[in-house]
Protein backbone atom coordinates (compact mmCIF):
# COMPACT_ATOMS: atom_id res chain seq x y z
CA MET A 1 186.37 133.59 48.98
CA THR A 2 187.46 130.08 48.10
CA ALA A 3 188.25 129.38 51.74
CA LEU A 4 184.91 130.86 52.78
CA ARG A 5 183.01 128.73 50.25
CA ARG A 6 184.90 125.66 51.43
CA SER A 7 184.08 126.49 55.06
CA MET A 8 180.39 127.01 54.20
CA ALA A 9 180.30 123.74 52.24
CA VAL A 10 181.86 121.83 55.13
CA ALA A 11 179.44 123.44 57.58
CA CYS A 12 176.39 122.66 55.40
CA THR A 13 177.57 119.10 54.86
CA THR A 14 178.06 118.66 58.60
CA VAL A 15 174.55 119.99 59.36
CA LEU A 16 172.93 117.82 56.68
CA CYS A 17 174.73 114.71 57.89
CA THR A 18 173.74 115.46 61.48
CA VAL A 19 170.08 115.95 60.53
CA ALA A 20 170.10 112.78 58.45
CA ALA A 21 171.63 110.80 61.30
CA GLN A 22 169.06 112.15 63.75
CA ALA A 23 166.28 111.24 61.34
CA GLN A 24 167.63 107.71 61.07
CA ASP A 25 168.04 107.39 64.84
CA ARG A 26 164.57 108.74 65.59
CA PRO A 27 162.35 105.77 66.41
CA ASP A 28 159.21 105.25 64.36
CA PRO A 29 156.07 105.15 66.56
CA ARG A 30 154.31 103.07 63.90
CA GLN A 31 156.63 100.18 64.70
CA ALA A 32 155.83 100.43 68.40
CA ALA A 33 152.10 100.61 67.63
CA ALA A 34 152.42 97.51 65.44
CA GLN A 35 154.00 95.61 68.33
CA ILE A 36 151.19 96.67 70.69
CA ALA A 37 148.77 95.29 68.11
CA THR A 38 150.81 92.07 67.98
CA VAL A 39 150.52 91.57 71.75
CA LEU A 40 146.77 92.25 71.63
CA SER A 41 146.31 89.85 68.72
CA LEU A 42 148.31 87.06 70.41
CA MET A 43 146.41 87.39 73.69
CA SER A 44 142.96 87.62 72.07
CA GLY A 45 143.28 84.96 69.40
CA GLY A 46 143.33 87.61 66.68
CA ALA A 47 140.14 89.40 67.73
CA LEU A 48 142.06 92.55 68.75
CA GLY A 49 144.84 94.49 67.05
CA THR A 50 144.39 92.96 63.59
CA ALA A 51 146.42 94.20 60.63
CA ASP A 52 143.32 95.42 58.76
CA HIS A 53 142.64 97.92 61.57
CA PRO A 54 145.84 100.03 61.77
CA ALA A 55 146.57 102.24 64.75
CA LYS A 56 146.07 106.01 64.73
CA ILE A 57 149.15 107.96 65.87
CA THR A 58 149.26 111.64 66.85
CA PRO A 59 152.09 113.72 68.43
CA ASP A 60 151.58 114.70 72.08
CA GLY A 61 154.41 116.95 73.23
CA ASP A 62 157.57 114.85 73.48
CA ALA A 63 155.49 111.69 73.17
CA PHE A 64 153.00 110.07 70.79
CA ARG A 65 149.41 109.10 71.49
CA VAL A 66 148.54 105.76 69.90
CA GLN A 67 144.99 104.48 69.45
CA VAL A 68 144.83 100.76 68.60
CA PRO A 69 141.34 99.88 67.28
CA LEU A 70 139.37 97.12 69.03
CA PRO A 71 137.16 96.03 66.12
CA ALA A 72 135.44 93.30 68.12
CA VAL A 73 133.97 95.87 70.53
CA THR A 74 130.78 97.14 68.90
CA ASP A 75 129.43 99.25 71.74
CA PRO A 76 130.78 101.84 71.99
CA SER A 77 131.62 101.94 68.29
CA GLY A 78 135.16 102.96 67.44
CA ALA A 79 136.57 101.61 70.73
CA ASN A 80 140.34 101.79 71.11
CA LEU A 81 143.16 100.89 73.41
CA THR A 82 144.81 104.28 73.95
CA ALA A 83 148.50 104.39 74.90
CA LEU A 84 151.04 107.16 75.41
CA LEU A 85 154.48 106.31 74.00
CA LYS A 86 157.71 108.08 74.90
CA PRO A 87 161.00 107.35 73.09
CA ARG A 88 163.91 106.31 75.31
CA GLY A 89 166.58 107.28 72.77
CA ASP A 90 167.80 103.74 72.03
CA GLY A 91 165.00 102.71 69.70
CA VAL A 92 162.95 101.51 72.65
CA TRP A 93 159.65 103.04 73.74
CA ASP A 94 158.10 103.42 77.18
CA ILE A 95 154.35 102.90 77.47
CA THR A 96 153.78 105.39 80.25
CA SER A 97 150.05 104.76 80.34
CA ALA A 98 147.43 102.77 78.45
CA THR A 99 143.70 102.37 78.93
CA LEU A 100 141.00 100.02 77.68
CA PRO A 101 137.36 101.08 77.33
CA SER A 102 135.79 101.19 80.80
CA SER A 103 132.77 99.30 79.44
CA GLY A 104 131.53 97.79 76.21
CA SER A 105 130.02 94.82 74.45
CA PHE A 106 130.96 92.45 71.65
CA THR A 107 129.67 89.39 69.82
CA VAL A 108 131.49 86.08 69.40
CA LYS A 109 130.52 83.44 66.85
CA GLN A 110 131.04 79.83 67.88
CA ALA A 111 131.74 76.64 65.94
CA THR A 112 129.53 74.63 68.33
CA ASN A 113 126.50 76.91 68.31
CA THR A 114 124.74 78.76 65.51
CA VAL A 115 123.57 81.35 68.03
CA PRO A 116 126.31 83.95 68.61
CA SER A 117 127.29 84.80 72.17
CA GLN A 118 126.72 88.38 73.35
CA PHE A 119 129.29 89.66 75.86
CA SER A 120 129.30 92.85 77.88
CA PHE A 121 131.99 94.04 80.28
CA SER A 122 132.91 96.80 82.67
CA ILE A 123 136.19 97.70 84.38
CA GLY A 124 136.52 99.77 87.54
CA GLN A 125 140.12 100.97 87.71
CA GLN A 126 142.97 100.00 85.41
CA MET A 127 146.71 100.46 85.16
CA ILE A 128 148.62 99.35 82.06
CA ASN A 129 152.24 100.14 81.21
CA GLY A 130 155.27 98.57 79.61
CA ARG A 131 158.27 98.96 77.34
CA ILE A 132 158.54 98.13 73.65
CA ASP A 133 161.50 97.28 71.44
CA PRO A 134 160.05 97.25 67.89
CA SER A 135 162.97 95.12 66.68
CA LEU A 136 162.19 92.50 69.36
CA ALA A 137 165.94 92.18 69.91
CA GLN A 138 165.31 92.41 73.66
CA PRO A 139 162.25 91.31 75.64
CA SER A 140 159.41 93.84 75.77
CA PRO A 141 157.75 93.69 79.22
CA PHE A 142 154.22 94.79 80.08
CA THR A 143 152.02 94.87 83.19
CA MET A 144 148.30 95.28 83.73
CA ALA A 145 146.14 95.59 86.86
CA LEU A 146 142.34 95.80 86.74
CA THR A 147 139.80 96.08 89.56
CA ASP A 148 136.08 95.42 89.77
CA VAL A 149 135.87 93.50 86.48
CA LYS A 150 132.42 92.31 85.42
CA ILE A 151 131.58 90.13 82.42
CA LYS A 152 128.13 89.02 81.28
CA ALA A 153 127.50 86.46 78.53
CA ILE A 154 124.25 85.51 76.79
CA THR A 155 123.98 82.65 74.30
CA GLY A 156 120.34 82.11 73.41
CA ALA A 157 118.64 81.26 76.70
CA ASP A 158 121.92 80.48 78.48
CA GLN A 159 123.30 83.26 80.67
CA SER A 160 126.34 83.74 82.89
CA GLU A 161 127.81 86.53 84.97
CA GLN A 162 131.35 86.82 86.31
CA SER A 163 132.86 89.31 88.71
CA ILE A 164 136.53 89.60 89.69
CA ALA A 165 137.63 91.96 92.44
CA ARG A 166 141.20 92.29 91.13
CA GLN A 167 142.97 90.88 88.10
CA THR A 168 146.63 91.28 87.14
CA LEU A 169 148.76 90.27 84.18
CA GLN A 170 152.44 90.70 83.48
CA GLY A 171 154.56 89.29 80.72
CA THR A 172 157.20 89.71 78.05
CA LEU A 173 157.25 89.46 74.27
CA SER A 174 160.52 88.64 72.50
CA GLY A 175 161.50 87.87 68.93
CA GLU A 176 163.24 84.95 67.30
CA ALA A 177 164.43 84.11 63.81
CA ASP A 178 162.03 83.38 60.92
CA ASN A 179 159.29 85.78 62.09
CA ARG A 180 158.72 83.84 65.30
CA VAL A 181 157.93 85.29 68.71
CA THR A 182 157.84 84.04 72.29
CA LEU A 183 155.22 85.24 74.76
CA ARG A 184 155.41 84.59 78.50
CA THR A 185 152.72 85.78 80.92
CA GLN A 186 151.76 85.41 84.58
CA GLY A 187 148.36 86.41 85.89
CA THR A 188 146.30 86.47 89.08
CA ALA A 189 142.65 86.92 90.01
CA SER A 190 141.00 87.29 93.40
CA ASP A 191 137.46 87.03 94.74
CA TRP A 192 136.12 85.48 91.53
CA HIS A 193 132.36 84.75 91.35
CA ILE A 194 130.57 82.93 88.51
CA ARG A 195 126.79 82.65 88.28
CA ALA A 196 125.08 80.79 85.42
CA ARG A 197 121.58 79.88 84.31
CA SER A 198 120.99 77.33 81.54
CA SER A 199 118.14 77.23 79.05
CA ASP A 200 116.38 74.53 81.11
CA GLY A 201 116.25 76.83 84.14
CA HIS A 202 119.02 75.15 86.13
CA THR A 203 121.33 77.52 87.99
CA SER A 204 124.87 77.22 89.32
CA ASN A 205 127.11 79.39 91.46
CA SER A 206 130.87 79.13 91.85
CA GLN A 207 133.32 81.03 94.00
CA ILE A 208 137.10 81.08 93.69
CA ARG A 209 139.09 82.80 96.40
CA SER A 210 142.19 83.26 94.23
CA ALA A 211 143.63 82.10 90.93
CA ALA A 212 147.13 82.19 89.45
CA SER A 213 148.15 81.34 85.90
CA ALA A 214 151.32 81.11 83.83
CA ILE A 215 151.50 80.75 80.04
CA GLU A 216 154.53 80.26 77.81
CA VAL A 217 154.17 80.25 74.02
CA GLU A 218 157.61 79.65 72.53
CA GLY A 219 158.58 79.95 68.88
CA LEU A 220 155.16 81.01 67.59
CA ASP A 221 155.15 81.50 63.81
CA ARG A 222 153.20 84.73 63.29
CA GLY A 223 152.35 83.82 59.69
CA GLN A 224 150.93 80.43 60.67
CA ALA A 225 149.07 82.01 63.60
CA GLU A 226 147.35 84.42 61.22
CA LYS A 227 146.43 81.54 58.89
CA LEU A 228 145.01 79.64 61.87
CA ARG A 229 142.94 82.66 62.97
CA GLU A 230 141.55 83.20 59.47
CA ALA A 231 140.79 79.49 58.93
CA ALA A 232 139.00 79.35 62.30
CA ARG A 233 136.94 82.41 61.39
CA GLN A 234 135.93 80.95 58.04
CA PHE A 235 135.13 77.54 59.57
CA ILE A 236 132.83 79.22 62.10
CA ASP A 237 131.18 81.11 59.23
CA THR A 238 130.44 77.81 57.46
CA VAL A 239 128.80 76.49 60.64
CA GLN A 240 126.74 79.66 61.02
CA ALA A 241 125.64 79.35 57.37
CA VAL A 242 123.94 76.01 58.10
CA GLY A 243 121.58 77.76 60.51
CA PRO A 244 119.53 76.18 63.32
CA ASP A 245 119.90 72.67 61.82
CA ALA A 246 123.67 72.67 62.51
CA ALA A 247 123.12 70.91 65.85
CA LYS A 248 121.36 68.04 64.02
CA GLN A 249 124.07 67.80 61.39
CA LYS A 250 125.71 64.35 61.44
CA GLU A 251 128.41 64.98 58.85
CA LEU A 252 130.44 68.01 57.84
CA THR A 253 129.50 69.90 54.72
CA GLU A 254 132.08 70.22 51.95
CA PRO A 255 132.86 73.89 52.82
CA GLN A 256 133.30 72.85 56.45
CA ARG A 257 135.70 70.07 55.46
CA GLN A 258 137.73 72.51 53.38
CA GLN A 259 138.05 75.05 56.18
CA LEU A 260 138.80 72.33 58.73
CA GLY A 261 141.58 71.17 56.40
CA ALA A 262 142.93 74.73 56.28
CA LEU A 263 142.84 74.80 60.09
CA ILE A 264 144.90 71.61 60.24
CA ASP A 265 147.38 72.95 57.67
CA ALA A 266 147.92 76.04 59.84
CA LEU A 267 149.05 73.81 62.71
CA GLN A 268 152.12 72.75 60.73
CA GLY A 269 155.12 74.40 62.42
CA LEU A 270 152.86 76.71 64.42
CA LEU A 271 155.02 76.77 67.56
CA SER A 272 157.87 75.01 69.31
CA ARG A 273 156.60 74.74 72.88
CA LEU A 274 153.50 75.53 74.92
CA ASN A 275 153.13 75.51 78.70
CA VAL A 276 149.90 76.44 80.48
CA GLU A 277 149.40 76.25 84.25
CA GLU A 278 146.53 77.46 86.42
CA THR A 279 146.04 77.05 90.16
CA LEU A 280 142.74 77.80 91.90
CA GLU A 281 142.47 78.20 95.66
CA GLY A 282 139.29 78.01 97.74
CA VAL A 283 136.88 76.68 95.12
CA HIS A 284 133.21 76.28 96.11
CA PHE A 285 130.36 75.33 93.77
CA GLU A 286 126.60 74.99 93.99
CA GLY A 287 124.65 73.28 91.24
CA PRO A 288 121.19 71.96 90.40
CA SER A 289 119.30 69.56 92.69
CA GLY A 290 121.20 70.68 95.76
CA THR A 291 124.62 69.72 94.42
CA GLU A 292 127.29 71.45 96.48
CA GLY A 293 130.97 70.94 97.16
CA GLY A 294 134.44 72.27 96.66
CA VAL A 295 138.18 71.76 96.70
CA SER A 296 140.73 73.67 98.72
CA ARG A 297 143.18 73.72 95.82
CA MET A 298 143.04 72.70 92.16
CA ARG A 299 145.92 72.75 89.71
CA PHE A 300 145.69 72.23 85.96
CA ALA A 301 148.76 72.14 83.74
CA MET A 302 149.25 71.37 80.07
CA ALA A 303 152.57 71.16 78.25
CA GLY A 304 153.45 70.39 74.66
CA GLU A 305 156.58 70.47 72.53
CA SER A 306 157.07 69.91 68.82
CA ARG A 307 160.61 69.50 67.53
CA ASP A 308 162.21 67.46 64.76
CA ASP A 309 158.79 66.26 63.54
CA HIS A 310 157.92 64.73 66.92
CA LEU A 311 155.29 65.79 69.44
CA ASN A 312 155.39 65.37 73.22
CA ALA A 313 152.46 66.48 75.37
CA ASN A 314 151.00 65.91 78.82
CA ILE A 315 148.21 67.13 81.09
CA ASP A 316 148.39 67.31 84.88
CA LEU A 317 145.29 67.66 87.07
CA THR A 318 145.56 67.77 90.88
CA LEU A 319 142.73 68.21 93.41
CA HIS A 320 143.21 68.77 97.15
CA ASP A 321 140.62 68.19 99.89
CA LEU A 322 137.50 67.36 97.92
CA THR A 323 134.23 68.05 99.73
CA VAL A 324 130.73 67.09 98.62
CA ALA A 325 127.59 68.10 100.50
CA ASN A 326 124.80 65.61 101.25
CA VAL A 327 127.20 62.68 101.37
CA PRO A 328 126.34 60.28 104.21
CA PRO A 329 128.71 60.74 107.17
CA GLU A 330 129.88 57.12 106.97
CA LEU A 331 131.13 57.76 103.42
CA ALA A 332 132.35 61.36 103.81
CA THR A 333 135.53 60.20 105.55
CA TYR A 334 136.47 58.23 102.44
CA LEU A 335 136.36 61.24 100.10
CA PRO A 336 139.81 61.78 98.59
CA THR A 337 142.04 64.41 100.13
CA LEU A 338 144.34 64.22 97.11
CA VAL A 339 143.70 63.17 93.51
CA GLN A 340 146.27 63.49 90.74
CA ILE A 341 146.23 62.26 87.16
CA ARG A 342 148.84 62.86 84.48
CA PRO A 343 148.19 61.42 81.00
CA GLU A 344 150.97 61.78 78.43
CA LEU A 345 151.55 61.46 74.70
CA ALA A 346 155.19 61.23 73.62
CA GLY A 347 157.27 60.52 70.54
CA ILE A 348 154.39 60.91 68.08
CA LYS A 349 155.37 61.97 64.55
CA SER A 350 153.88 65.43 63.99
CA SER A 351 153.51 64.91 60.24
CA GLY A 352 151.74 61.60 60.82
CA LEU A 353 149.38 63.19 63.35
CA LEU A 354 148.47 66.00 60.94
CA ARG A 355 147.87 63.41 58.22
CA PHE A 356 145.59 61.50 60.61
CA LEU A 357 143.63 64.69 61.38
CA HIS A 358 143.25 65.38 57.65
CA HIS A 359 141.88 61.86 57.09
CA ALA A 360 139.42 62.34 59.97
CA ALA A 361 138.25 65.66 58.51
CA ASP A 362 137.86 64.03 55.09
CA GLY A 363 135.47 61.44 56.51
CA MET A 364 137.68 58.35 56.59
CA PRO A 365 135.76 55.38 58.10
CA PRO A 366 136.24 54.87 61.87
CA ASP A 367 137.84 51.43 61.43
CA ALA A 368 140.47 52.82 59.07
CA LEU A 369 141.10 55.76 61.41
CA GLN A 370 141.56 53.36 64.32
CA ASP A 371 144.13 51.36 62.35
CA GLU A 372 145.98 54.56 61.43
CA ALA A 373 145.98 55.71 65.07
CA ILE A 374 147.35 52.33 66.20
CA GLY A 375 150.04 52.65 63.56
CA LEU A 376 151.04 56.08 64.88
CA LEU A 377 151.28 54.74 68.43
CA SER A 378 153.28 51.73 67.24
CA GLU A 379 156.12 53.85 65.84
CA PRO A 380 159.47 53.37 67.65
CA GLY A 381 159.61 55.70 70.65
CA ALA A 382 155.88 56.50 70.59
CA ARG A 383 154.03 56.33 73.89
CA LEU A 384 150.48 56.91 75.09
CA GLY A 385 149.61 56.33 78.71
CA ILE A 386 148.99 57.61 82.19
CA GLU A 387 152.32 58.57 83.70
CA LYS A 388 150.84 59.07 87.16
CA LEU A 389 147.57 58.31 88.92
CA SER A 390 147.42 58.96 92.64
CA MET A 391 144.67 59.11 95.25
CA THR A 392 144.74 59.54 99.03
CA ALA A 393 141.66 58.94 101.19
CA GLY A 394 142.22 58.63 104.91
CA PRO A 395 144.93 56.01 105.57
CA LEU A 396 144.60 54.62 102.02
CA ARG A 397 146.95 55.72 99.26
CA ILE A 398 146.73 54.36 95.72
CA ASP A 399 149.32 55.01 93.01
CA GLY A 400 149.21 53.80 89.47
CA ALA A 401 150.60 54.14 85.95
CA GLY A 402 149.85 52.56 82.60
CA ARG A 403 150.56 52.67 78.89
CA MET A 404 149.45 51.25 75.58
CA LEU A 405 151.36 48.25 74.20
CA PRO A 406 152.14 47.48 70.54
CA PRO A 407 149.24 45.63 68.91
CA VAL A 408 149.19 41.85 68.57
CA ASN A 409 147.15 40.43 65.67
CA GLY A 410 145.75 43.92 65.13
CA ASN A 411 144.50 44.20 68.73
CA PRO A 412 145.92 47.04 70.87
CA GLY A 413 147.33 46.14 74.26
CA VAL A 414 147.51 47.84 77.64
CA GLU A 415 149.63 47.36 80.75
CA ALA A 416 149.14 49.04 84.11
CA ARG A 417 150.54 48.85 87.64
CA ILE A 418 148.46 49.75 90.72
CA ILE A 419 150.07 50.06 94.17
CA ALA A 420 148.04 50.43 97.38
CA ARG A 421 149.28 51.31 100.86
CA GLY A 422 147.33 51.61 104.10
CA VAL A 423 144.92 48.87 103.05
CA ASP A 424 144.85 47.06 106.41
CA ALA A 425 144.04 50.24 108.33
CA THR A 426 141.29 51.05 105.81
CA LEU A 427 139.85 47.51 106.08
CA ALA A 428 139.70 47.75 109.86
CA LYS A 429 137.87 51.05 109.56
CA VAL A 430 135.39 49.67 107.02
CA GLN A 431 134.68 46.51 109.02
CA ALA A 432 134.02 48.48 112.18
CA ASP A 433 131.14 50.37 110.54
CA PRO A 434 128.07 48.24 109.59
CA LYS A 435 127.06 50.82 106.98
CA THR A 436 130.28 50.34 105.01
CA ALA A 437 130.88 46.65 105.71
CA LYS A 438 128.67 45.78 102.70
CA PHE A 439 131.59 46.74 100.45
CA MET A 440 133.88 44.08 101.97
CA PRO A 441 133.22 41.35 99.33
CA LEU A 442 134.58 43.64 96.61
CA VAL A 443 137.64 44.42 98.72
CA TYR A 444 138.33 40.74 99.36
CA LEU A 445 137.93 40.00 95.64
CA ALA A 446 140.61 42.58 94.82
CA LYS A 447 142.90 41.30 97.57
CA GLY A 448 142.61 37.78 96.21
CA MET A 449 144.59 38.80 93.10
CA VAL A 450 147.21 40.87 94.90
CA ARG A 451 150.97 40.54 95.21
CA THR A 452 152.72 41.91 98.29
CA GLU A 453 155.85 44.07 98.05
CA GLY A 454 156.91 45.27 101.49
CA ASP A 455 154.01 47.26 102.98
CA ALA A 456 152.35 47.67 99.57
CA LEU A 457 149.82 45.63 97.65
CA VAL A 458 150.54 45.45 93.92
CA TRP A 459 148.40 44.62 90.89
CA ASP A 460 150.17 44.29 87.51
CA VAL A 461 147.46 44.18 84.84
CA ARG A 462 148.05 43.35 81.18
CA LEU A 463 145.75 43.16 78.17
CA VAL A 464 147.45 41.45 75.21
CA ASP A 465 145.60 40.15 72.14
CA GLY A 466 142.29 40.20 74.01
CA ALA A 467 143.60 38.29 77.05
CA VAL A 468 143.66 39.86 80.51
CA SER A 469 146.08 38.85 83.24
CA VAL A 470 146.60 40.14 86.77
CA ASN A 471 150.03 39.52 88.32
CA GLY A 472 150.64 36.94 85.62
CA VAL A 473 147.40 35.01 86.26
CA PRO A 474 145.15 34.79 83.15
CA MET A 475 141.65 36.17 83.67
CA ALA A 476 140.13 35.60 80.21
CA PRO A 477 140.84 33.45 77.15
CA SER A 478 142.82 35.00 74.29
CA GLY A 479 141.77 35.34 70.67
CA PRO A 480 138.35 35.93 69.13
CA PRO A 481 135.35 33.94 70.35
CA PRO A 482 134.32 30.85 68.38
CA GLY A 483 132.69 31.99 65.17
CA GLY A 484 133.66 35.58 65.98
CA THR A 485 135.09 38.18 63.65
CA PRO A 486 138.83 37.70 63.11
CA PRO A 487 141.12 40.63 63.87
CA GLY A 488 141.27 43.23 61.12
CA ALA A 489 137.87 42.28 59.66
CA ARG A 490 135.59 44.72 61.44
CA GLY A 491 133.51 45.43 58.36
CA THR A 492 133.89 46.89 54.90
CA PRO A 493 134.95 50.53 55.17
CA ARG A 494 133.29 53.10 52.99
CA PRO A 495 135.77 54.96 50.76
CA PRO A 496 137.01 58.32 52.06
CA ARG A 497 135.54 61.41 50.54
């Protein structure tokens, strides 16, 4: 009997331990649902998948059906993103299928308009799937493909309609230390049409043959992101509370200043790096008064990085093959075939920039704000300028770059370099046409200040303490005019609020 009892005890202990281990190993669908909500919240600015609208989870055979509420969608009421989750056995879940509402509408409040915007949408076919690791120890990929997407927006008397034949999105979400996440996405759109009508009756139509985008949000602090979302919502509410007179409002109200301050506070340590890039192909637009034109390719990129209390950021805009209707033939050949501009901001102290934004929100006088901004840009390693400016039109190519210089006697300075090639060929073309020859005096004026370097014409321009020079030749006297206001005495500032 003793041996039998011992055998039964061992057997029961073994069974209980096995059941307990299986219970511990069994993945919790609530964690997977929470991550779906996180992705929705990140991609919608907090409008979807918020924590105060938890997902509904029900068993479905060997899987779980998850319904993530979409509180912003008011028609139909109770709209959800519905997903089917299947456990893989390693704590990871497969999203075998997910669907958004095929149609609906929602309202968006805006900080720039007291009239909310009414949106409605419809989706033809959709395919959404992915894989989720609730621990975020490994990247969680997802893909989405939509067809026949239509979006209509109404803000007061302003209306717009968009249609996209096919739209795709794929990406990954991964975790980092300190409750931070990294989101990377790539998207495409094809046969994109935009029609708009403004309150004054003017209409516009745009067509985009294809679009491609890539977004990287690295090291996003989820706690700060939630604070930013909530502060933005409350700031918009303070604008809405003012009513129709908000557009005439010259200064912020005290509640608006407080919420704007909360918005700025939420930017502290929000993320480590941000990269955004979008390329549009085959762009054509038609606007009021017969305005019409297009570009064969347009690229917009924005990058920013904040590390060790320093911010670096730049924007890159490139246009290829600009066309404008109704331009006289003699001038059409001079339209740029390539335009590129890349402004940059580098080495700026993040804490100092946030302090500057707080002072601006508090109503600091413009003169004092200007002095503070100059001080930020005068820090060692700080830089504000145009890293690249390029334009090609026929045989002419112009390249340039410039940056701000440290102030002298309180006056900010600027230096720039402009390089032109193909000038002689362009001059010959201009002179041969009587309709464009009238611009020759301006061309000769510019050439009179030039310096030659090989086949290029160069202009080095400097503005220091109010004095302008081109290639070392002074163009204006330095210092304030006789009887003028000395530097630093631009008026008595009113005290900050």
